[in-house]
Amino acid sequence: MPGRECEEALDRLFEYIDDELPQDELQRIGAHLKTCPPCEAEHQIKERIKNLTSRAGGQTAPEEMRARILESIRSASA
């Protein structure tokens, strides 16, 4: 069962990838990813998803839609 550090890192991966977190959180999650292969593997998957979807259209989803999608992803990951 993943620990609290894993849970937090996985919950915040898209924010980490998008550089939307405070510097201290970016560093903490980055340090965790370097020492946790399962979390780093998930990071790589989400990084690829972001790269593929960003090539698809260039439009930004409305904030409400983004929140619903992220919640669906979190529910599916739980």
PDB file of N, CA and C in Angstrom:
ATOM      1  N   MET A   1       0.849  -1.183   0.000  1.00  0.00           N
ATOM      2  CA  MET A   1       0.000   0.000   0.000  1.00  0.00           C
ATOM      3  C   MET A   1       0.891   1.241   0.000  1.00  0.00           C
ATOM      4  N   PRO A   2       0.611   2.179  -0.891  1.00  0.00           N
ATOM      5  CA  PRO A   2       1.446   3.378  -0.952  1.00  0.00           C
ATOM      6  C   PRO A   2       1.370   4.184   0.339  1.00  0.00           C
ATOM      7  N   GLY A   3       2.490   4.797   0.686  1.00  0.00           N
ATOM      8  CA  GLY A   3       2.528   5.645   1.856  1.00  0.00           C
ATOM      9  C   GLY A   3       1.981   7.023   1.556  1.00  0.00           C
ATOM     10  N   ARG A   4       1.989   7.848   2.569  1.00  0.00           N
ATOM     11  CA  ARG A   4       1.459   9.209   2.432  1.00  0.00           C
ATOM     12  C   ARG A   4       2.238  10.012   1.385  1.00  0.00           C
ATOM     13  N   GLU A   5       3.552   9.856   1.358  1.00  0.00           N
ATOM     14  CA  GLU A   5       4.360  10.574   0.359  1.00  0.00           C
ATOM     15  C   GLU A   5       3.956  10.174  -1.049  1.00  0.00           C
ATOM     16  N   CYS A   6       3.740   8.882  -1.259  1.00  0.00           N
ATOM     17  CA  CYS A   6       3.308   8.406  -2.574  1.00  0.00           C
ATOM     18  C   CYS A   6       1.942   8.977  -2.923  1.00  0.00           C
ATOM     19  N   GLU A   7       1.034   8.922  -1.998  1.00  0.00           N
ATOM     20  CA  GLU A   7      -0.320   9.427  -2.237  1.00  0.00           C
ATOM     21  C   GLU A   7      -0.296  10.909  -2.620  1.00  0.00           C
ATOM     22  N   GLU A   8       0.461  11.700  -1.880  1.00  0.00           N
ATOM     23  CA  GLU A   8       0.553  13.125  -2.192  1.00  0.00           C
ATOM     24  C   GLU A   8       1.201  13.359  -3.559  1.00  0.00           C
ATOM     25  N   ALA A   9       2.285  12.658  -3.823  1.00  0.00           N
ATOM     26  CA  ALA A   9       2.973  12.834  -5.105  1.00  0.00           C
ATOM     27  C   ALA A   9       2.053  12.471  -6.265  1.00  0.00           C
ATOM     28  N   LEU A  10       1.355  11.358  -6.151  1.00  0.00           N
ATOM     29  CA  LEU A  10       0.475  10.923  -7.221  1.00  0.00           C
ATOM     30  C   LEU A  10      -0.704  11.866  -7.407  1.00  0.00           C
ATOM     31  N   ASP A  11      -1.237  12.387  -6.312  1.00  0.00           N
ATOM     32  CA  ASP A  11      -2.359  13.330  -6.391  1.00  0.00           C
ATOM     33  C   ASP A  11      -1.965  14.641  -7.055  1.00  0.00           C
ATOM     34  N   ARG A  12      -0.699  15.009  -6.959  1.00  0.00           N
ATOM     35  CA  ARG A  12      -0.255  16.322  -7.439  1.00  0.00           C
ATOM     36  C   ARG A  12       0.599  16.251  -8.710  1.00  0.00           C
ATOM     37  N   LEU A  13       0.633  15.097  -9.362  1.00  0.00           N
ATOM     38  CA  LEU A  13       1.538  14.927 -10.503  1.00  0.00           C
ATOM     39  C   LEU A  13       1.297  15.924 -11.633  1.00  0.00           C
ATOM     40  N   PHE A  14       0.038  16.147 -12.024  1.00  0.00           N
ATOM     41  CA  PHE A  14      -0.191  17.081 -13.124  1.00  0.00           C
ATOM     42  C   PHE A  14       0.204  18.497 -12.730  1.00  0.00           C
ATOM     43  N   GLU A  15      -0.030  18.867 -11.485  1.00  0.00           N
ATOM     44  CA  GLU A  15       0.411  20.186 -11.018  1.00  0.00           C
ATOM     45  C   GLU A  15       1.936  20.258 -11.012  1.00  0.00           C
ATOM     46  N   TYR A  16       2.580  19.151 -10.640  1.00  0.00           N
ATOM     47  CA  TYR A  16       4.043  19.081 -10.662  1.00  0.00           C
ATOM     48  C   TYR A  16       4.551  19.230 -12.094  1.00  0.00           C
ATOM     49  N   ILE A  17       3.965  18.464 -13.006  1.00  0.00           N
ATOM     50  CA  ILE A  17       4.374  18.500 -14.406  1.00  0.00           C
ATOM     51  C   ILE A  17       4.185  19.894 -14.992  1.00  0.00           C
ATOM     52  N   ASP A  18       3.096  20.547 -14.633  1.00  0.00           N
ATOM     53  CA  ASP A  18       2.787  21.883 -15.163  1.00  0.00           C
ATOM     54  C   ASP A  18       3.489  23.002 -14.395  1.00  0.00           C
ATOM     55  N   ASP A  19       4.308  22.647 -13.410  1.00  0.00           N
ATOM     56  CA  ASP A  19       5.054  23.635 -12.621  1.00  0.00           C
ATOM     57  C   ASP A  19       4.112  24.625 -11.945  1.00  0.00           C
ATOM     58  N   GLU A  20       3.004  24.091 -11.398  1.00  0.00           N
ATOM     59  CA  GLU A  20       1.982  24.915 -10.768  1.00  0.00           C
ATOM     60  C   GLU A  20       2.036  24.867  -9.238  1.00  0.00           C
ATOM     61  N   LEU A  21       3.069  24.301  -8.692  1.00  0.00           N
ATOM     62  CA  LEU A  21       3.199  24.172  -7.241  1.00  0.00           C
ATOM     63  C   LEU A  21       4.247  25.145  -6.720  1.00  0.00           C
ATOM     64  N   PRO A  22       4.137  25.491  -5.432  1.00  0.00           N
ATOM     65  CA  PRO A  22       5.200  26.301  -4.831  1.00  0.00           C
ATOM     66  C   PRO A  22       6.536  25.557  -4.930  1.00  0.00           C
ATOM     67  N   GLN A  23       7.613  26.302  -4.974  1.00  0.00           N
ATOM     68  CA  GLN A  23       8.947  25.734  -5.168  1.00  0.00           C
ATOM     69  C   GLN A  23       9.271  24.623  -4.181  1.00  0.00           C
ATOM     70  N   ASP A  24       8.914  24.800  -2.911  1.00  0.00           N
ATOM     71  CA  ASP A  24       9.236  23.770  -1.918  1.00  0.00           C
ATOM     72  C   ASP A  24       8.499  22.460  -2.206  1.00  0.00           C
ATOM     73  N   GLU A  25       7.257  22.550  -2.681  1.00  0.00           N
ATOM     74  CA  GLU A  25       6.510  21.344  -3.024  1.00  0.00           C
ATOM     75  C   GLU A  25       7.070  20.687  -4.288  1.00  0.00           C
ATOM     76  N   LEU A  26       7.459  21.504  -5.261  1.00  0.00           N
ATOM     77  CA  LEU A  26       8.092  20.960  -6.464  1.00  0.00           C
ATOM     78  C   LEU A  26       9.342  20.172  -6.096  1.00  0.00           C
ATOM     79  N   GLN A  27      10.143  20.722  -5.215  1.00  0.00           N
ATOM     80  CA  GLN A  27      11.375  20.046  -4.805  1.00  0.00           C
ATOM     81  C   GLN A  27      11.081  18.771  -4.020  1.00  0.00           C
ATOM     82  N   ARG A  28      10.101  18.833  -3.125  1.00  0.00           N
ATOM     83  CA  ARG A  28       9.765  17.664  -2.304  1.00  0.00           C
ATOM     84  C   ARG A  28       9.240  16.529  -3.180  1.00  0.00           C
ATOM     85  N   ILE A  29       8.332  16.847  -4.094  1.00  0.00           N
ATOM     86  CA  ILE A  29       7.785  15.806  -4.965  1.00  0.00           C
ATOM     87  C   ILE A  29       8.866  15.291  -5.910  1.00  0.00           C
ATOM     88  N   GLY A  30       9.695  16.187  -6.442  1.00  0.00           N
ATOM     89  CA  GLY A  30      10.796  15.764  -7.302  1.00  0.00           C
ATOM     90  C   GLY A  30      11.741  14.818  -6.583  1.00  0.00           C
ATOM     91  N   ALA A  31      12.058  15.119  -5.333  1.00  0.00           N
ATOM     92  CA  ALA A  31      12.932  14.244  -4.545  1.00  0.00           C
ATOM     93  C   ALA A  31      12.282  12.882  -4.332  1.00  0.00           C
ATOM     94  N   HIS A  32      10.977  12.887  -4.076  1.00  0.00           N
ATOM     95  CA  HIS A  32      10.272  11.619  -3.883  1.00  0.00           C
ATOM     96  C   HIS A  32      10.302  10.785  -5.167  1.00  0.00           C
ATOM     97  N   LEU A  33      10.046  11.423  -6.294  1.00  0.00           N
ATOM     98  CA  LEU A  33      10.033  10.695  -7.562  1.00  0.00           C
ATOM     99  C   LEU A  33      11.385  10.045  -7.854  1.00  0.00           C
ATOM    100  N   LYS A  34      12.459  10.695  -7.453  1.00  0.00           N
ATOM    101  CA  LYS A  34      13.806  10.139  -7.682  1.00  0.00           C
ATOM    102  C   LYS A  34      14.065   8.880  -6.867  1.00  0.00           C
ATOM    103  N   THR A  35      13.341   8.723  -5.755  1.00  0.00           N
ATOM    104  CA  THR A  35      13.594   7.584  -4.868  1.00  0.00           C
ATOM    105  C   THR A  35      12.480   6.549  -4.871  1.00  0.00           C
ATOM    106  N   CYS A  36      11.436   6.768  -5.679  1.00  0.00           N
ATOM    107  CA  CYS A  36      10.286   5.851  -5.672  1.00  0.00           C
ATOM    108  C   CYS A  36       9.959   5.430  -7.107  1.00  0.00           C
ATOM    109  N   PRO A  37      10.476   4.282  -7.547  1.00  0.00           N
ATOM    110  CA  PRO A  37      10.235   3.845  -8.922  1.00  0.00           C
ATOM    111  C   PRO A  37       8.755   3.753  -9.329  1.00  0.00           C
ATOM    112  N   PRO A  38       7.848   3.257  -8.477  1.00  0.00           N
ATOM    113  CA  PRO A  38       6.440   3.210  -8.914  1.00  0.00           C
ATOM    114  C   PRO A  38       5.851   4.604  -9.171  1.00  0.00           C
ATOM    115  N   CYS A  39       6.175   5.563  -8.327  1.00  0.00           N
ATOM    116  CA  CYS A  39       5.683   6.926  -8.529  1.00  0.00           C
ATOM    117  C   CYS A  39       6.333   7.556  -9.756  1.00  0.00           C
ATOM    118  N   GLU A  40       7.607   7.293  -9.962  1.00  0.00           N
ATOM    119  CA  GLU A  40       8.285   7.829 -11.143  1.00  0.00           C
ATOM    120  C   GLU A  40       7.693   7.237 -12.421  1.00  0.00           C
ATOM    121  N   ALA A  41       7.326   5.964 -12.379  1.00  0.00           N
ATOM    122  CA  ALA A  41       6.693   5.342 -13.546  1.00  0.00           C
ATOM    123  C   ALA A  41       5.367   6.033 -13.854  1.00  0.00           C
ATOM    124  N   GLU A  42       4.579   6.319 -12.838  1.00  0.00           N
ATOM    125  CA  GLU A  42       3.314   7.031 -13.031  1.00  0.00           C
ATOM    126  C   GLU A  42       3.568   8.441 -13.549  1.00  0.00           C
ATOM    127  N   HIS A  43       4.608   9.077 -13.040  1.00  0.00           N
ATOM    128  CA  HIS A  43       4.998  10.407 -13.511  1.00  0.00           C
ATOM    129  C   HIS A  43       5.308  10.365 -15.003  1.00  0.00           C
ATOM    130  N   GLN A  44       6.048   9.372 -15.443  1.00  0.00           N
ATOM    131  CA  GLN A  44       6.400   9.249 -16.860  1.00  0.00           C
ATOM    132  C   GLN A  44       5.156   9.062 -17.724  1.00  0.00           C
ATOM    133  N   ILE A  45       4.208   8.251 -17.239  1.00  0.00           N
ATOM    134  CA  ILE A  45       2.954   8.036 -17.974  1.00  0.00           C
ATOM    135  C   ILE A  45       2.185   9.344 -18.112  1.00  0.00           C
ATOM    136  N   LYS A  46       2.040  10.069 -17.008  1.00  0.00           N
ATOM    137  CA  LYS A  46       1.271  11.317 -17.047  1.00  0.00           C
ATOM    138  C   LYS A  46       1.993  12.392 -17.865  1.00  0.00           C
ATOM    139  N   GLU A  47       3.300  12.374 -17.844  1.00  0.00           N
ATOM    140  CA  GLU A  47       4.073  13.304 -18.670  1.00  0.00           C
ATOM    141  C   GLU A  47       3.803  13.030 -20.152  1.00  0.00           C
ATOM    142  N   ARG A  48       3.768  11.757 -20.525  1.00  0.00           N
ATOM    143  CA  ARG A  48       3.474  11.397 -21.912  1.00  0.00           C
ATOM    144  C   ARG A  48       2.052  11.791 -22.294  1.00  0.00           C
ATOM    145  N   ILE A  49       1.100  11.562 -21.382  1.00  0.00           N
ATOM    146  CA  ILE A  49      -0.283  11.954 -21.643  1.00  0.00           C
ATOM    147  C   ILE A  49      -0.361  13.453 -21.892  1.00  0.00           C
ATOM    148  N   LYS A  50       0.287  14.228 -21.059  1.00  0.00           N
ATOM    149  CA  LYS A  50       0.271  15.681 -21.215  1.00  0.00           C
ATOM    150  C   LYS A  50       0.885  16.085 -22.549  1.00  0.00           C
ATOM    151  N   ASN A  51       2.008  15.497 -22.889  1.00  0.00           N
ATOM    152  CA  ASN A  51       2.661  15.832 -24.156  1.00  0.00           C
ATOM    153  C   ASN A  51       1.797  15.472 -25.356  1.00  0.00           C
ATOM    154  N   LEU A  52       1.162  14.316 -25.306  1.00  0.00           N
ATOM    155  CA  LEU A  52       0.312  13.895 -26.416  1.00  0.00           C
ATOM    156  C   LEU A  52      -0.925  14.778 -26.537  1.00  0.00           C
ATOM    157  N   THR A  53      -1.545  15.092 -25.422  1.00  0.00           N
ATOM    158  CA  THR A  53      -2.757  15.911 -25.480  1.00  0.00           C
ATOM    159  C   THR A  53      -2.440  17.353 -25.840  1.00  0.00           C
ATOM    160  N   SER A  54      -1.279  17.853 -25.472  1.00  0.00           N
ATOM    161  CA  SER A  54      -0.944  19.232 -25.820  1.00  0.00           C
ATOM    162  C   SER A  54      -0.711  19.384 -27.316  1.00  0.00           C
ATOM    163  N   ARG A  55      -0.311  18.308 -27.976  1.00  0.00           N
ATOM    164  CA  ARG A  55      -0.129  18.342 -29.422  1.00  0.00           C
ATOM    165  C   ARG A  55      -1.458  18.271 -30.168  1.00  0.00           C
ATOM    166  N   ALA A  56      -2.506  17.843 -29.480  1.00  0.00           N
ATOM    167  CA  ALA A  56      -3.774  17.554 -30.136  1.00  0.00           C
ATOM    168  C   ALA A  56      -4.571  18.788 -30.534  1.00  0.00           C
ATOM    169  N   GLY A  57      -4.389  19.924 -29.869  1.00  0.00           N
ATOM    170  CA  GLY A  57      -5.233  21.025 -30.265  1.00  0.00           C
ATOM    171  C   GLY A  57      -4.781  22.389 -29.822  1.00  0.00           C
ATOM    172  N   GLY A  58      -4.152  22.476 -28.705  1.00  0.00           N
ATOM    173  CA  GLY A  58      -3.672  23.764 -28.243  1.00  0.00           C
ATOM    174  C   GLY A  58      -4.676  24.589 -27.478  1.00  0.00           C
ATOM    175  N   GLN A  59      -5.913  24.126 -27.385  1.00  0.00           N
ATOM    176  CA  GLN A  59      -6.893  24.862 -26.602  1.00  0.00           C
ATOM    177  C   GLN A  59      -6.856  24.378 -25.171  1.00  0.00           C
ATOM    178  N   THR A  60      -7.146  25.279 -24.253  1.00  0.00           N
ATOM    179  CA  THR A  60      -7.184  24.946 -22.837  1.00  0.00           C
ATOM    180  C   THR A  60      -8.611  24.619 -22.442  1.00  0.00           C
ATOM    181  N   ALA A  61      -8.778  23.550 -21.709  1.00  0.00           N
ATOM    182  CA  ALA A  61     -10.110  23.180 -21.230  1.00  0.00           C
ATOM    183  C   ALA A  61     -10.566  24.184 -20.172  1.00  0.00           C
ATOM    184  N   PRO A  62     -11.874  24.421 -20.101  1.00  0.00           N
ATOM    185  CA  PRO A  62     -12.391  25.289 -19.036  1.00  0.00           C
ATOM    186  C   PRO A  62     -12.024  24.718 -17.670  1.00  0.00           C
ATOM    187  N   GLU A  63     -11.819  25.578 -16.702  1.00  0.00           N
ATOM    188  CA  GLU A  63     -11.384  25.157 -15.365  1.00  0.00           C
ATOM    189  C   GLU A  63     -12.317  24.110 -14.764  1.00  0.00           C
ATOM    190  N   GLU A  64     -13.606  24.275 -14.938  1.00  0.00           N
ATOM    191  CA  GLU A  64     -14.567  23.310 -14.390  1.00  0.00           C
ATOM    192  C   GLU A  64     -14.356  21.924 -14.994  1.00  0.00           C
ATOM    193  N   MET A  65     -14.133  21.864 -16.304  1.00  0.00           N
ATOM    194  CA  MET A  65     -13.889  20.587 -16.967  1.00  0.00           C
ATOM    195  C   MET A  65     -12.579  19.982 -16.485  1.00  0.00           C
ATOM    196  N   ARG A  66     -11.553  20.795 -16.351  1.00  0.00           N
ATOM    197  CA  ARG A  66     -10.256  20.316 -15.875  1.00  0.00           C
ATOM    198  C   ARG A  66     -10.392  19.705 -14.479  1.00  0.00           C
ATOM    199  N   ALA A  67     -11.149  20.375 -13.614  1.00  0.00           N
ATOM    200  CA  ALA A  67     -11.353  19.870 -12.247  1.00  0.00           C
ATOM    201  C   ALA A  67     -12.084  18.528 -12.272  1.00  0.00           C
ATOM    202  N   ARG A  68     -13.091  18.394 -13.132  1.00  0.00           N
ATOM    203  CA  ARG A  68     -13.832  17.124 -13.232  1.00  0.00           C
ATOM    204  C   ARG A  68     -12.932  16.015 -13.753  1.00  0.00           C
ATOM    205  N   ILE A  69     -12.112  16.322 -14.731  1.00  0.00           N
ATOM    206  CA  ILE A  69     -11.201  15.306 -15.287  1.00  0.00           C
ATOM    207  C   ILE A  69     -10.196  14.857 -14.242  1.00  0.00           C
ATOM    208  N   LEU A  70      -9.605  15.834 -13.537  1.00  0.00           N
ATOM    209  CA  LEU A  70      -8.630  15.476 -12.495  1.00  0.00           C
ATOM    210  C   LEU A  70      -9.273  14.644 -11.399  1.00  0.00           C
ATOM    211  N   GLU A  71     -10.507  14.968 -11.023  1.00  0.00           N
ATOM    212  CA  GLU A  71     -11.207  14.186  -9.993  1.00  0.00           C
ATOM    213  C   GLU A  71     -11.469  12.771 -10.501  1.00  0.00           C
ATOM    214  N   SER A  72     -11.833  12.628 -11.758  1.00  0.00           N
ATOM    215  CA  SER A  72     -12.044  11.290 -12.335  1.00  0.00           C
ATOM    216  C   SER A  72     -10.755  10.487 -12.319  1.00  0.00           C
ATOM    217  N   ILE A  73      -9.655  11.125 -12.653  1.00  0.00           N
ATOM    218  CA  ILE A  73      -8.360  10.438 -12.643  1.00  0.00           C
ATOM    219  C   ILE A  73      -8.007  10.008 -11.224  1.00  0.00           C
ATOM    220  N   ARG A  74      -8.215  10.911 -10.266  1.00  0.00           N
ATOM    221  CA  ARG A  74      -7.909  10.565  -8.868  1.00  0.00           C
ATOM    222  C   ARG A  74      -8.773   9.402  -8.396  1.00  0.00           C
ATOM    223  N   SER A  75     -10.060   9.408  -8.747  1.00  0.00           N
ATOM    224  CA  SER A  75     -10.966   8.323  -8.337  1.00  0.00           C
ATOM    225  C   SER A  75     -10.540   7.009  -8.963  1.00  0.00           C
ATOM    226  N   ALA A  76     -10.138   7.042 -10.220  1.00  0.00           N
ATOM    227  CA  ALA A  76      -9.714   5.824 -10.904  1.00  0.00           C
ATOM    228  C   ALA A  76      -8.409   5.286 -10.340  1.00  0.00           C
ATOM    229  N   SER A  77      -7.561   6.182  -9.841  1.00  0.00           N
ATOM    230  CA  SER A  77      -6.268   5.770  -9.292  1.00  0.00           C
ATOM    231  C   SER A  77      -6.386   5.207  -7.895  1.00  0.00           C
ATOM    232  N   ALA A  78      -7.484   5.494  -7.220  1.00  0.00           N
ATOM    233  CA  ALA A  78      -7.660   5.073  -5.822  1.00  0.00           C
ATOM    234  C   ALA A  78      -8.018   3.612  -5.699  1.00  0.00           C
TER     235      ALA A  78
END
